[in-house]
C-alpha atoms as a PDB file:
ATOM      1  CA  MET A   1       0.000   0.000   0.000  1.00  0.00           C
ATOM      2  CA  THR A   2       1.341   3.474  -0.868  1.00  0.00           C
ATOM      3  CA  ARG A   3       1.696   6.246   1.687  1.00  0.00           C
ATOM      4  CA  SER A   4      -1.344   8.110   0.381  1.00  0.00           C
ATOM      5  CA  THR A   5      -3.670   5.120   0.335  1.00  0.00           C
ATOM      6  CA  LEU A   6      -2.501   4.048   3.793  1.00  0.00           C
ATOM      7  CA  LEU A   7      -3.129   7.509   5.222  1.00  0.00           C
ATOM      8  CA  LEU A   8      -6.462   7.634   3.448  1.00  0.00           C
ATOM      9  CA  ALA A   9      -7.530   4.262   4.841  1.00  0.00           C
ATOM     10  CA  LEU A  10      -6.500   5.247   8.380  1.00  0.00           C
ATOM     11  CA  GLY A  11      -8.136   8.647   8.095  1.00  0.00           C
ATOM     12  CA  LEU A  12     -11.432   7.233   6.900  1.00  0.00           C
ATOM     13  CA  ALA A  13     -11.379   4.587   9.605  1.00  0.00           C
ATOM     14  CA  CYS A  14     -11.243   7.336  12.251  1.00  0.00           C
ATOM     15  CA  ALA A  15     -13.671   9.691  10.544  1.00  0.00           C
ATOM     16  CA  PRO A  16     -17.364   9.929  11.363  1.00  0.00           C
ATOM     17  CA  LEU A  17     -19.817   8.282   9.017  1.00  0.00           C
ATOM     18  CA  ILE A  18     -20.678  10.490   6.064  1.00  0.00           C
ATOM     19  CA  ALA A  19     -24.186  10.670   4.651  1.00  0.00           C
ATOM     20  CA  PRO A  20     -24.618   9.262   1.154  1.00  0.00           C
ATOM     21  CA  ALA A  21     -24.415  11.681  -1.749  1.00  0.00           C
ATOM     22  CA  ALA A  22     -27.637  13.238  -2.964  1.00  0.00           C
ATOM     23  CA  THR A  23     -27.889  10.713  -5.773  1.00  0.00           C
ATOM     24  CA  GLY A  24     -26.846   7.736  -3.673  1.00  0.00           C
ATOM     25  CA  ASN A  25     -23.699   6.026  -2.449  1.00  0.00           C
ATOM     26  CA  TYR A  26     -21.469   5.734  -5.505  1.00  0.00           C
ATOM     27  CA  ALA A  27     -19.811   2.575  -4.215  1.00  0.00           C
ATOM     28  CA  GLN A  28     -23.195   0.826  -4.045  1.00  0.00           C
ATOM     29  CA  ARG A  29     -24.470   1.831  -7.451  1.00  0.00           C
ATOM     30  CA  PRO A  30     -24.101  -0.726 -10.255  1.00  0.00           C
ATOM     31  CA  GLU A  31     -21.630   1.479 -12.103  1.00  0.00           C
ATOM     32  CA  GLY A  32     -19.604   1.855  -8.926  1.00  0.00           C
ATOM     33  CA  LYS A  33     -19.482  -1.880  -8.331  1.00  0.00           C
ATOM     34  CA  ALA A  34     -18.344  -2.399 -11.925  1.00  0.00           C
ATOM     35  CA  LEU A  35     -15.651   0.258 -11.462  1.00  0.00           C
ATOM     36  CA  LEU A  36     -14.383  -1.450  -8.323  1.00  0.00           C
ATOM     37  CA  GLU A  37     -14.262  -4.777 -10.140  1.00  0.00           C
ATOM     38  CA  ARG A  38     -12.070  -3.222 -12.816  1.00  0.00           C
ATOM     39  CA  LEU A  39      -9.840  -1.513 -10.265  1.00  0.00           C
ATOM     40  CA  GLU A  40      -9.376  -4.783  -8.416  1.00  0.00           C
ATOM     41  CA  LYS A  41      -7.441  -6.002 -11.450  1.00  0.00           C
ATOM     42  CA  SER A  42      -5.124  -2.939 -11.475  1.00  0.00           C
ATOM     43  CA  ASP A  43      -1.650  -3.338 -10.032  1.00  0.00           C
ATOM     44  CA  GLY A  44      -1.134  -1.606  -6.708  1.00  0.00           C
ATOM     45  CA  VAL A  45      -4.702  -0.405  -6.146  1.00  0.00           C
ATOM     46  CA  ASP A  46      -5.943  -1.012  -2.607  1.00  0.00           C
ATOM     47  CA  ILE A  47      -9.515  -1.955  -3.394  1.00  0.00           C
ATOM     48  CA  GLU A  48     -10.819  -1.053   0.066  1.00  0.00           C
ATOM     49  CA  ALA A  49      -9.225   2.386  -0.177  1.00  0.00           C
ATOM     50  CA  ALA A  50     -10.814   2.764  -3.620  1.00  0.00           C
ATOM     51  CA  ARG A  51     -14.181   1.756  -2.191  1.00  0.00           C
ATOM     52  CA  ALA A  52     -13.750   4.309   0.585  1.00  0.00           C
ATOM     53  CA  LEU A  53     -13.074   6.990  -2.028  1.00  0.00           C
ATOM     54  CA  LEU A  54     -16.321   6.243  -3.848  1.00  0.00           C
ATOM     55  CA  GLU A  55     -18.164   6.338  -0.540  1.00  0.00           C
ATOM     56  CA  ASP A  56     -16.557   9.680   0.271  1.00  0.00           C
ATOM     57  CA  ALA A  57     -17.236  11.290  -3.129  1.00  0.00           C
ATOM     58  CA  LYS A  58     -19.873  14.033  -3.004  1.00  0.00           C
ATOM     59  CA  TYR A  59     -22.381  14.840  -5.718  1.00  0.00           C
ATOM     60  CA  GLN A  60     -21.947  18.448  -6.875  1.00  0.00           C
ATOM     61  CA  PRO A  61     -24.962  19.673  -8.894  1.00  0.00           C
ATOM     62  CA  LYS A  62     -23.220  22.974  -9.757  1.00  0.00           C
ATOM     63  CA  ILE A  63     -20.606  21.029 -11.684  1.00  0.00           C
ATOM     64  CA  VAL A  64     -23.247  19.463 -13.923  1.00  0.00           C
ATOM     65  CA  ALA A  65     -24.837  22.868 -14.508  1.00  0.00           C
ATOM     66  CA  THR A  66     -21.471  24.372 -15.445  1.00  0.00           C
ATOM     67  CA  MET A  67     -20.649  21.523 -17.809  1.00  0.00           C
ATOM     68  CA  ARG A  68     -23.888  22.147 -19.668  1.00  0.00           C
ATOM     69  CA  LYS A  69     -23.069  25.823 -20.197  1.00  0.00           C
ATOM     70  CA  PRO A  70     -19.299  26.274 -20.655  1.00  0.00           C
ATOM     71  CA  ALA A  71     -17.926  29.659 -21.691  1.00  0.00           C
ATOM     72  CA  GLU A  72     -16.638  28.271 -24.984  1.00  0.00           C
ATOM     73  CA  ARG A  73     -20.207  27.554 -26.084  1.00  0.00           C
ATOM     74  CA  THR A  74     -21.879  30.715 -24.836  1.00  0.00           C
ATOM     75  CA  LEU A  75     -19.338  33.486 -25.511  1.00  0.00           C
ATOM     76  CA  THR A  76     -18.233  35.061 -28.762  1.00  0.00           C
ATOM     77  CA  TRP A  77     -14.591  35.939 -29.424  1.00  0.00           C
ATOM     78  CA  LYS A  78     -15.467  39.553 -28.530  1.00  0.00           C
ATOM     79  CA  ASP A  79     -16.305  38.435 -24.978  1.00  0.00           C
ATOM     80  CA  TYR A  80     -13.923  35.487 -24.670  1.00  0.00           C
ATOM     81  CA  ARG A  81     -10.707  37.263 -25.706  1.00  0.00           C
ATOM     82  CA  PRO A  82     -10.614  39.841 -22.866  1.00  0.00           C
ATOM     83  CA  ILE A  83     -10.807  37.074 -20.279  1.00  0.00           C
ATOM     84  CA  PHE A  84      -7.327  35.847 -21.210  1.00  0.00           C
ATOM     85  CA  LEU A  85      -5.660  38.652 -23.142  1.00  0.00           C
ATOM     86  CA  GLN A  86      -4.520  41.336 -20.720  1.00  0.00           C
ATOM     87  CA  PRO A  87      -1.109  43.013 -20.379  1.00  0.00           C
ATOM     88  CA  GLU A  88      -0.767  41.674 -16.817  1.00  0.00           C
ATOM     89  CA  ARG A  89      -1.164  38.068 -17.908  1.00  0.00           C
ATOM     90  CA  ALA A  90       1.331  38.508 -20.738  1.00  0.00           C
ATOM     91  CA  GLU A  91       3.836  40.179 -18.408  1.00  0.00           C
ATOM     92  CA  LYS A  92       3.447  37.371 -15.886  1.00  0.00           C
ATOM     93  CA  GLY A  93       4.027  34.882 -18.687  1.00  0.00           C
ATOM     94  CA  ALA A  94       7.246  36.644 -19.660  1.00  0.00           C
ATOM     95  CA  ALA A  95       8.341  36.659 -16.018  1.00  0.00           C
ATOM     96  CA  TYR A  96       7.465  32.963 -15.661  1.00  0.00           C
ATOM     97  CA  ILE A  97       9.681  32.126 -18.635  1.00  0.00           C
ATOM     98  CA  GLU A  98      12.531  34.252 -17.288  1.00  0.00           C
ATOM     99  CA  LYS A  99      12.262  32.653 -13.844  1.00  0.00           C
ATOM    100  CA  HIS A 100      12.543  29.181 -15.387  1.00  0.00           C
ATOM    101  CA  ARG A 101      14.553  30.112 -18.462  1.00  0.00           C
ATOM    102  CA  GLU A 102      16.776  27.004 -18.430  1.00  0.00           C
ATOM    103  CA  LEU A 103      13.792  24.651 -18.134  1.00  0.00           C
ATOM    104  CA  PHE A 104      12.016  26.356 -21.026  1.00  0.00           C
ATOM    105  CA  GLU A 105      15.136  26.190 -23.169  1.00  0.00           C
ATOM    106  CA  GLN A 106      15.511  22.486 -22.429  1.00  0.00           C
ATOM    107  CA  ALA A 107      11.876  21.822 -23.281  1.00  0.00           C
ATOM    108  CA  GLU A 108      12.048  23.835 -26.486  1.00  0.00           C
ATOM    109  CA  ASP A 109      15.187  21.998 -27.593  1.00  0.00           C
ATOM    110  CA  GLU A 110      13.736  18.584 -26.831  1.00  0.00           C
ATOM    111  CA  TYR A 111      10.154  18.979 -28.024  1.00  0.00           C
ATOM    112  CA  GLY A 112      10.280  21.869 -30.488  1.00  0.00           C
ATOM    113  CA  VAL A 113       7.518  23.827 -28.748  1.00  0.00           C
ATOM    114  CA  PRO A 114       8.279  27.535 -28.184  1.00  0.00           C
ATOM    115  CA  ALA A 115       8.500  28.815 -24.625  1.00  0.00           C
ATOM    116  CA  ASN A 116       5.803  31.431 -25.233  1.00  0.00           C
ATOM    117  CA  ILE A 117       3.265  28.774 -26.282  1.00  0.00           C
ATOM    118  CA  ILE A 118       4.038  26.583 -23.256  1.00  0.00           C
ATOM    119  CA  ALA A 119       3.705  29.586 -20.961  1.00  0.00           C
ATOM    120  CA  ALA A 120       0.526  30.736 -22.697  1.00  0.00           C
ATOM    121  CA  ILE A 121      -1.188  27.413 -21.981  1.00  0.00           C
ATOM    122  CA  VAL A 122      -0.255  27.611 -18.303  1.00  0.00           C
ATOM    123  CA  GLY A 123      -1.383  31.238 -18.324  1.00  0.00           C
ATOM    124  CA  VAL A 124      -4.766  30.511 -19.892  1.00  0.00           C
ATOM    125  CA  GLU A 125      -5.361  27.426 -17.767  1.00  0.00           C
ATOM    126  CA  THR A 126      -4.463  28.679 -14.280  1.00  0.00           C
ATOM    127  CA  LYS A 127      -2.805  32.100 -14.602  1.00  0.00           C
ATOM    128  CA  TYR A 128       0.529  30.458 -13.755  1.00  0.00           C
ATOM    129  CA  GLY A 129      -0.893  28.713 -10.718  1.00  0.00           C
ATOM    130  CA  ALA A 130      -2.911  31.589  -9.266  1.00  0.00           C
ATOM    131  CA  PHE A 131      -6.132  29.614  -9.716  1.00  0.00           C
ATOM    132  CA  ILE A 132      -6.057  25.839 -10.137  1.00  0.00           C
ATOM    133  CA  GLY A 133      -9.759  25.288  -9.441  1.00  0.00           C
ATOM    134  CA  ARG A 134     -11.945  24.987  -6.391  1.00  0.00           C
ATOM    135  CA  ASP A 135     -13.437  21.489  -6.634  1.00  0.00           C
ATOM    136  CA  ARG A 136     -12.110  18.232  -5.283  1.00  0.00           C
ATOM    137  CA  VAL A 137     -11.037  16.185  -8.287  1.00  0.00           C
ATOM    138  CA  LEU A 138     -12.688  13.159  -6.703  1.00  0.00           C
ATOM    139  CA  ASP A 139     -16.055  14.947  -6.432  1.00  0.00           C
ATOM    140  CA  ALA A 140     -15.857  16.394  -9.942  1.00  0.00           C
ATOM    141  CA  LEU A 141     -15.046  13.113 -11.655  1.00  0.00           C
ATOM    142  CA  ALA A 142     -17.538  11.077  -9.608  1.00  0.00           C
ATOM    143  CA  THR A 143     -20.318  13.609 -10.215  1.00  0.00           C
ATOM    144  CA  LEU A 144     -19.697  13.642 -13.962  1.00  0.00           C
ATOM    145  CA  GLY A 145     -19.017   9.919 -14.249  1.00  0.00           C
ATOM    146  CA  PHE A 146     -22.162   8.863 -12.436  1.00  0.00           C
ATOM    147  CA  ASP A 147     -24.564  11.777 -12.881  1.00  0.00           C
ATOM    148  CA  TYR A 148     -23.771  13.494 -16.192  1.00  0.00           C
ATOM    149  CA  PRO A 149     -25.299  11.129 -18.772  1.00  0.00           C
ATOM    150  CA  GLU A 150     -24.112  13.153 -21.765  1.00  0.00           C
ATOM    151  CA  ARG A 151     -20.496  12.081 -21.176  1.00  0.00           C
ATOM    152  CA  SER A 152     -20.680   9.584 -18.342  1.00  0.00           C
ATOM    153  CA  ALA A 153     -18.544   6.959 -20.091  1.00  0.00           C
ATOM    154  CA  TYR A 154     -15.685   9.423 -20.618  1.00  0.00           C
ATOM    155  CA  PHE A 155     -15.695  10.726 -17.068  1.00  0.00           C
ATOM    156  CA  MET A 156     -16.044   7.244 -15.593  1.00  0.00           C
ATOM    157  CA  ARG A 157     -12.834   6.309 -17.406  1.00  0.00           C
ATOM    158  CA  GLU A 158     -11.209   9.463 -16.058  1.00  0.00           C
ATOM    159  CA  LEU A 159     -12.325   8.598 -12.519  1.00  0.00           C
ATOM    160  CA  GLU A 160     -10.845   5.126 -12.889  1.00  0.00           C
ATOM    161  CA  GLY A 161      -7.624   6.624 -14.239  1.00  0.00           C
ATOM    162  CA  PHE A 162      -7.520   9.148 -11.398  1.00  0.00           C
ATOM    163  CA  ILE A 163      -7.617   6.413  -8.764  1.00  0.00           C
ATOM    164  CA  GLU A 164      -4.877   4.517 -10.605  1.00  0.00           C
ATOM    165  CA  LEU A 165      -2.869   7.729 -10.949  1.00  0.00           C
ATOM    166  CA  CYS A 166      -3.079   8.299  -7.209  1.00  0.00           C
ATOM    167  CA  VAL A 167      -1.299   4.989  -6.711  1.00  0.00           C
ATOM    168  CA  GLU A 168       1.294   5.630  -9.444  1.00  0.00           C
ATOM    169  CA  GLU A 169       2.191   9.154  -8.286  1.00  0.00           C
ATOM    170  CA  ASP A 170       1.318   8.791  -4.595  1.00  0.00           C
ATOM    171  CA  LEU A 171      -1.301  11.543  -4.749  1.00  0.00           C
ATOM    172  CA  ALA A 172      -3.776  12.305  -1.986  1.00  0.00           C
ATOM    173  CA  CYS A 173      -6.926  11.233  -3.810  1.00  0.00           C
ATOM    174  CA  ASP A 174      -9.244  12.635  -1.177  1.00  0.00           C
ATOM    175  CA  ARG A 175      -7.659  16.089  -1.113  1.00  0.00           C
ATOM    176  CA  GLU A 176      -6.447  17.096  -4.583  1.00  0.00           C
ATOM    177  CA  ILE A 177      -8.203  20.210  -5.913  1.00  0.00           C
ATOM    178  CA  GLY A 178      -8.796  20.912  -9.597  1.00  0.00           C
ATOM    179  CA  SER A 179     -11.272  22.214 -12.134  1.00  0.00           C
ATOM    180  CA  TYR A 180     -14.980  21.449 -12.256  1.00  0.00           C
ATOM    181  CA  ALA A 181     -14.175  18.916 -15.007  1.00  0.00           C
ATOM    182  CA  GLY A 182     -11.493  17.152 -12.954  1.00  0.00           C
ATOM    183  CA  ALA A 183      -8.419  18.717 -14.575  1.00  0.00           C
ATOM    184  CA  MET A 184      -5.348  18.978 -12.349  1.00  0.00           C
ATOM    185  CA  GLY A 185      -2.254  21.031 -11.681  1.00  0.00           C
ATOM    186  CA  LEU A 186      -0.968  24.218 -13.304  1.00  0.00           C
ATOM    187  CA  PRO A 187      -1.465  22.858 -16.851  1.00  0.00           C
ATOM    188  CA  GLN A 188      -4.851  21.290 -15.954  1.00  0.00           C
ATOM    189  CA  PHE A 189      -4.259  17.761 -17.214  1.00  0.00           C
ATOM    190  CA  MET A 190      -7.103  15.284 -17.068  1.00  0.00           C
ATOM    191  CA  PRO A 191      -6.091  11.980 -15.434  1.00  0.00           C
ATOM    192  CA  SER A 192      -5.725  10.185 -18.789  1.00  0.00           C
ATOM    193  CA  SER A 193      -3.459  12.953 -20.117  1.00  0.00           C
ATOM    194  CA  TYR A 194      -1.531  13.039 -16.854  1.00  0.00           C
ATOM    195  CA  ARG A 195      -0.830   9.322 -17.073  1.00  0.00           C
ATOM    196  CA  ALA A 196       0.004   9.378 -20.793  1.00  0.00           C
ATOM    197  CA  TYR A 197       1.883  12.652 -21.298  1.00  0.00           C
ATOM    198  CA  ALA A 198       3.160  14.032 -17.989  1.00  0.00           C
ATOM    199  CA  VAL A 199       6.970  14.053 -17.781  1.00  0.00           C
ATOM    200  CA  ASP A 200       9.347  13.764 -14.844  1.00  0.00           C
ATOM    201  CA  GLY A 201      11.309  16.788 -15.986  1.00  0.00           C
ATOM    202  CA  ASN A 202      13.713  16.883 -13.039  1.00  0.00           C
ATOM    203  CA  ASP A 203      14.267  13.104 -12.795  1.00  0.00           C
ATOM    204  CA  ASN A 204      13.210  12.853  -9.172  1.00  0.00           C
ATOM    205  CA  GLY A 205      11.030   9.806  -9.760  1.00  0.00           C
ATOM    206  CA  LYS A 206       7.687  11.603  -9.629  1.00  0.00           C
ATOM    207  CA  ARG A 207       5.579  13.652 -12.022  1.00  0.00           C
ATOM    208  CA  ASP A 208       4.245  16.607 -10.046  1.00  0.00           C
ATOM    209  CA  LEU A 209       2.116  19.094 -12.011  1.00  0.00           C
ATOM    210  CA  TRP A 210       1.383  21.254  -8.967  1.00  0.00           C
ATOM    211  CA  GLU A 211       4.767  22.093  -7.463  1.00  0.00           C
ATOM    212  CA  GLU A 212       7.544  21.145  -9.909  1.00  0.00           C
ATOM    213  CA  PRO A 213       8.159  23.673 -12.722  1.00  0.00           C
ATOM    214  CA  ALA A 214      10.340  21.186 -14.636  1.00  0.00           C
ATOM    215  CA  ASP A 215       7.507  18.660 -14.729  1.00  0.00           C
ATOM    216  CA  ILE A 216       4.906  21.291 -15.637  1.00  0.00           C
ATOM    217  CA  ILE A 217       6.913  22.832 -18.479  1.00  0.00           C
ATOM    218  CA  HIS A 218       8.149  19.573 -19.977  1.00  0.00           C
ATOM    219  CA  SER A 219       4.725  17.964 -19.692  1.00  0.00           C
ATOM    220  CA  VAL A 220       2.938  20.693 -21.670  1.00  0.00           C
ATOM    221  CA  ALA A 221       5.648  20.569 -24.336  1.00  0.00           C
ATOM    222  CA  ASN A 222       5.517  16.770 -24.493  1.00  0.00           C
ATOM    223  CA  TYR A 223       1.725  16.808 -24.822  1.00  0.00           C
ATOM    224  CA  LEU A 224       1.826  19.163 -27.802  1.00  0.00           C
ATOM    225  CA  ALA A 225       4.725  17.318 -29.426  1.00  0.00           C
ATOM    226  CA  GLU A 226       2.966  13.977 -29.070  1.00  0.00           C
ATOM    227  CA  HIS A 227      -0.106  15.463 -30.753  1.00  0.00           C
ATOM    228  CA  GLY A 228       1.827  16.595 -33.806  1.00  0.00           C
ATOM    229  CA  TRP A 229       3.374  19.984 -33.052  1.00  0.00           C
ATOM    230  CA  GLN A 230       5.675  21.021 -35.891  1.00  0.00           C
ATOM    231  CA  ARG A 231       8.950  22.617 -34.841  1.00  0.00           C
ATOM    232  CA  ASP A 232       9.528  26.171 -36.160  1.00  0.00           C
ATOM    233  CA  ALA A 233       6.121  26.203 -37.878  1.00  0.00           C
ATOM    234  CA  ARG A 234       3.510  28.936 -37.643  1.00  0.00           C
ATOM    235  CA  VAL A 235       0.188  28.629 -35.820  1.00  0.00           C
ATOM    236  CA  ALA A 236      -2.338  30.913 -37.524  1.00  0.00           C
ATOM    237  CA  LEU A 237      -2.446  33.771 -40.027  1.00  0.00           C
ATOM    238  CA  PRO A 238      -4.896  36.678 -40.364  1.00  0.00           C
ATOM    239  CA  ALA A 239      -6.997  36.106 -43.474  1.00  0.00           C
ATOM    240  CA  TRP A 240      -9.422  37.981 -45.652  1.00  0.00           C
ATOM    241  CA  ILE A 241     -11.846  36.951 -48.343  1.00  0.00           C
ATOM    242  CA  GLY A 242     -10.782  38.027 -51.808  1.00  0.00           C
ATOM    243  CA  ASP A 243     -13.807  36.516 -53.517  1.00  0.00           C
ATOM    244  CA  SER A 244     -16.886  36.716 -51.318  1.00  0.00           C
ATOM    245  CA  ASP A 245     -19.014  34.789 -53.825  1.00  0.00           C
ATOM    246  CA  ASN A 246     -17.584  31.519 -52.479  1.00  0.00           C
ATOM    247  CA  LEU A 247     -17.735  32.439 -48.779  1.00  0.00           C
ATOM    248  CA  ASP A 248     -20.916  30.532 -47.965  1.00  0.00           C
ATOM    249  CA  GLU A 249     -19.635  27.281 -49.445  1.00  0.00           C
ATOM    250  CA  ILE A 250     -16.330  27.290 -47.508  1.00  0.00           C
ATOM    251  CA  GLU A 251     -16.407  24.944 -44.541  1.00  0.00           C
ATOM    252  CA  ARG A 252     -15.327  26.569 -41.266  1.00  0.00           C
ATOM    253  CA  SER A 253     -12.791  24.527 -39.338  1.00  0.00           C
ATOM    254  CA  LYS A 254     -12.867  23.771 -35.617  1.00  0.00           C
ATOM    255  CA  ARG A 255     -10.556  20.893 -34.716  1.00  0.00           C
ATOM    256  CA  LYS A 256      -8.777  20.088 -37.955  1.00  0.00           C
ATOM    257  CA  GLY A 257      -7.999  21.608 -41.317  1.00  0.00           C
ATOM    258  CA  ALA A 258     -10.592  21.010 -44.010  1.00  0.00           C
ATOM    259  CA  TYR A 259      -8.520  21.963 -47.073  1.00  0.00           C
ATOM    260  CA  ARG A 260      -5.121  22.085 -48.679  1.00  0.00           C
ATOM    261  CA  TRP A 261      -3.990  25.677 -48.987  1.00  0.00           C
ATOM    262  CA  ASP A 262      -4.019  25.649 -52.782  1.00  0.00           C
ATOM    263  CA  ALA A 263      -7.679  24.548 -52.753  1.00  0.00           C
ATOM    264  CA  LEU A 264      -8.732  27.126 -50.169  1.00  0.00           C
ATOM    265  CA  ARG A 265      -6.915  29.860 -52.043  1.00  0.00           C
ATOM    266  CA  LYS A 266      -8.902  29.021 -55.176  1.00  0.00           C
ATOM    267  CA  LEU A 267     -12.047  29.636 -53.146  1.00  0.00           C
ATOM    268  CA  GLY A 268     -10.966  33.213 -52.509  1.00  0.00           C
ATOM    269  CA  VAL A 269      -9.198  33.100 -49.118  1.00  0.00           C
ATOM    270  CA  ARG A 270      -6.138  35.351 -48.918  1.00  0.00           C
ATOM    271  CA  VAL A 271      -3.254  35.727 -46.453  1.00  0.00           C
ATOM    272  CA  ASP A 272       0.106  37.449 -46.419  1.00  0.00           C
ATOM    273  CA  ASP A 273       3.157  35.160 -46.548  1.00  0.00           C
ATOM    274  CA  GLU A 274       1.274  32.106 -47.793  1.00  0.00           C
ATOM    275  CA  PRO A 275       1.932  28.592 -46.479  1.00  0.00           C
ATOM    276  CA  PRO A 276       3.036  25.796 -48.871  1.00  0.00           C
ATOM    277  CA  ALA A 277       0.419  24.799 -51.442  1.00  0.00           C
ATOM    278  CA  ASP A 278      -0.001  21.326 -49.933  1.00  0.00           C
ATOM    279  CA  ALA A 279      -0.328  22.527 -46.302  1.00  0.00           C
ATOM    280  CA  ASP A 280      -3.418  21.296 -44.456  1.00  0.00           C
ATOM    281  CA  VAL A 281      -5.296  24.401 -43.344  1.00  0.00           C
ATOM    282  CA  GLY A 282      -8.692  25.553 -42.171  1.00  0.00           C
ATOM    283  CA  LEU A 283     -10.697  28.763 -42.346  1.00  0.00           C
ATOM    284  CA  LEU A 284     -11.563  30.094 -38.882  1.00  0.00           C
ATOM    285  CA  GLN A 285     -14.288  32.665 -38.258  1.00  0.00           C
ATOM    286  CA  PHE A 286     -14.692  34.669 -35.070  1.00  0.00           C
ATOM    287  CA  GLU A 287     -17.064  37.447 -34.084  1.00  0.00           C
ATOM    288  CA  GLY A 288     -14.672  40.004 -32.635  1.00  0.00           C
ATOM    289  CA  ALA A 289     -14.951  43.418 -31.063  1.00  0.00           C
ATOM    290  CA  HIS A 290     -14.670  45.098 -34.468  1.00  0.00           C
ATOM    291  CA  GLY A 291     -16.718  42.670 -36.517  1.00  0.00           C
ATOM    292  CA  THR A 292     -16.075  39.313 -38.165  1.00  0.00           C
ATOM    293  CA  GLU A 293     -12.480  38.086 -38.138  1.00  0.00           C
ATOM    294  CA  TYR A 294     -11.120  35.446 -40.497  1.00  0.00           C
ATOM    295  CA  TRP A 295      -7.992  33.448 -39.734  1.00  0.00           C
ATOM    296  CA  LEU A 296      -6.146  30.661 -41.455  1.00  0.00           C
ATOM    297  CA  GLY A 297      -5.540  27.845 -39.005  1.00  0.00           C
ATOM    298  CA  LEU A 298      -2.362  25.844 -39.621  1.00  0.00           C
ATOM    299  CA  ASN A 299      -1.322  22.470 -38.220  1.00  0.00           C
ATOM    300  CA  ASN A 300      -0.078  23.847 -34.899  1.00  0.00           C
ATOM    301  CA  PHE A 301      -3.344  25.683 -34.294  1.00  0.00           C
ATOM    302  CA  PHE A 302      -5.245  22.429 -34.501  1.00  0.00           C
ATOM    303  CA  VAL A 303      -2.697  20.731 -32.251  1.00  0.00           C
ATOM    304  CA  ILE A 304      -3.672  23.266 -29.571  1.00  0.00           C
ATOM    305  CA  THR A 305      -7.326  22.241 -30.009  1.00  0.00           C
ATOM    306  CA  THR A 306      -6.389  18.746 -28.803  1.00  0.00           C
ATOM    307  CA  TYR A 307      -5.687  20.381 -25.432  1.00  0.00           C
ATOM    308  CA  ASN A 308      -9.105  22.030 -25.416  1.00  0.00           C
ATOM    309  CA  HIS A 309     -11.469  21.436 -28.327  1.00  0.00           C
ATOM    310  CA  SER A 310     -12.648  25.036 -28.628  1.00  0.00           C
ATOM    311  CA  PRO A 311     -11.148  27.207 -31.415  1.00  0.00           C
ATOM    312  CA  LEU A 312     -11.701  30.147 -29.063  1.00  0.00           C
ATOM    313  CA  TYR A 313      -9.331  28.505 -26.583  1.00  0.00           C
ATOM    314  CA  ALA A 314      -6.694  27.786 -29.230  1.00  0.00           C
ATOM    315  CA  MET A 315      -6.825  31.365 -30.500  1.00  0.00           C
ATOM    316  CA  ALA A 316      -6.535  32.700 -26.939  1.00  0.00           C
ATOM    317  CA  VAL A 317      -3.433  30.554 -26.387  1.00  0.00           C
ATOM    318  CA  TYR A 318      -1.916  31.669 -29.683  1.00  0.00           C
ATOM    319  CA  GLN A 319      -2.555  35.364 -29.126  1.00  0.00           C
ATOM    320  CA  LEU A 320      -1.459  35.279 -25.479  1.00  0.00           C
ATOM    321  CA  GLY A 321       1.701  33.547 -26.676  1.00  0.00           C
ATOM    322  CA  GLN A 322       2.282  36.398 -29.114  1.00  0.00           C
ATOM    323  CA  GLU A 323       1.767  38.948 -26.345  1.00  0.00           C
ATOM    324  CA  ILE A 324       4.178  37.072 -24.067  1.00  0.00           C
ATOM    325  CA  ALA A 325       6.804  37.067 -26.807  1.00  0.00           C
ATOM    326  CA  LEU A 326       6.294  40.820 -27.280  1.00  0.00           C
ATOM    327  CA  ALA A 327       6.549  41.415 -23.522  1.00  0.00           C
ATOM    328  CA  ARG A 328       9.838  39.524 -23.462  1.00  0.00           C
ATOM    329  CA  GLN A 329      11.196  41.588 -26.338  1.00  0.00           C
ATOM    330  CA  THR A 330      10.127  44.814 -24.665  1.00  0.00           C
ATOM    331  CA  SER A 331      11.827  43.875 -21.410  1.00  0.00           C
ATOM    332  CA  GLY A 332      14.858  42.376 -23.142  1.00  0.00           C
ATOM    333  CA  GLU A 333      14.333  39.017 -21.449  1.00  0.00           C
ATOM    334  CA  ASP A 334      14.532  37.042 -24.677  1.00  0.00           C
ATOM    335  CA  LYS A 335      18.107  38.135 -25.302  1.00  0.00           C
ATOM    336  CA  PRO A 336      20.852  35.526 -24.721  1.00  0.00           C
END
């Protein structure tokens, strides 16, 4: 038994009985029993500690309500952009890179992902650790796995992975705080991403996405690299429509490019400094503060959407990254 599961088992043994969650004791529900049967086959999982976790998990109705109305679905780019694009956040991103300059340089060399993009993701996700969420990961994943039918299968797998992750990384399953969707640490990795892509950047035998900058920075870079990030390639380009007659028939992209550039150009899309003719690209459309904006999404833009599926999110990361790079130039921090 690991330290965390032992402490958890002892703590629960001494704790008063807790009333069942509003929707019922998760350990006694059929889905909970099936989950425990699967976990019993996992190496290192203390099944009684796992059962105690399900008994301790609390139903959080606000989480379900939030999941059904996320900002990415309800806000336009005009409203979404100011949430993440402020001078203060860009300046903090530049300072974060300077503070951990060597780690960022190592990550950029190894994975090919620029420091400003890595920092931008941490900045958008948690403002460099200022806000990592307010919900227990256990409660969030149990609530969504058992009581959010729209995506229950996905979140049940994440709950299972979270319990296994607690064993692998010796996490305190009953205490870790994260987002309402169960994302964890400064880069807000879901349990499946944590297990698959987190990196022990300082070689201390543990992957810690809360306290270890080396692990945080290398893990974000590794995630993007594993999802197809192209070294030294651009992310997105401002676009305009040279021939509006074809505008209605052009498919708007969200998570992947829909065209080769030469085909999209024939439909009337224009950019400065064109990509190669055979580049996979997509036309992006946003309703901005000054009207409709068109952008050409390149491969690396759509790699960012694997982190969060919303094009609004990917554009916020890209533009914050640009602002961070500018802040570094202004302060001279990007000089050797």
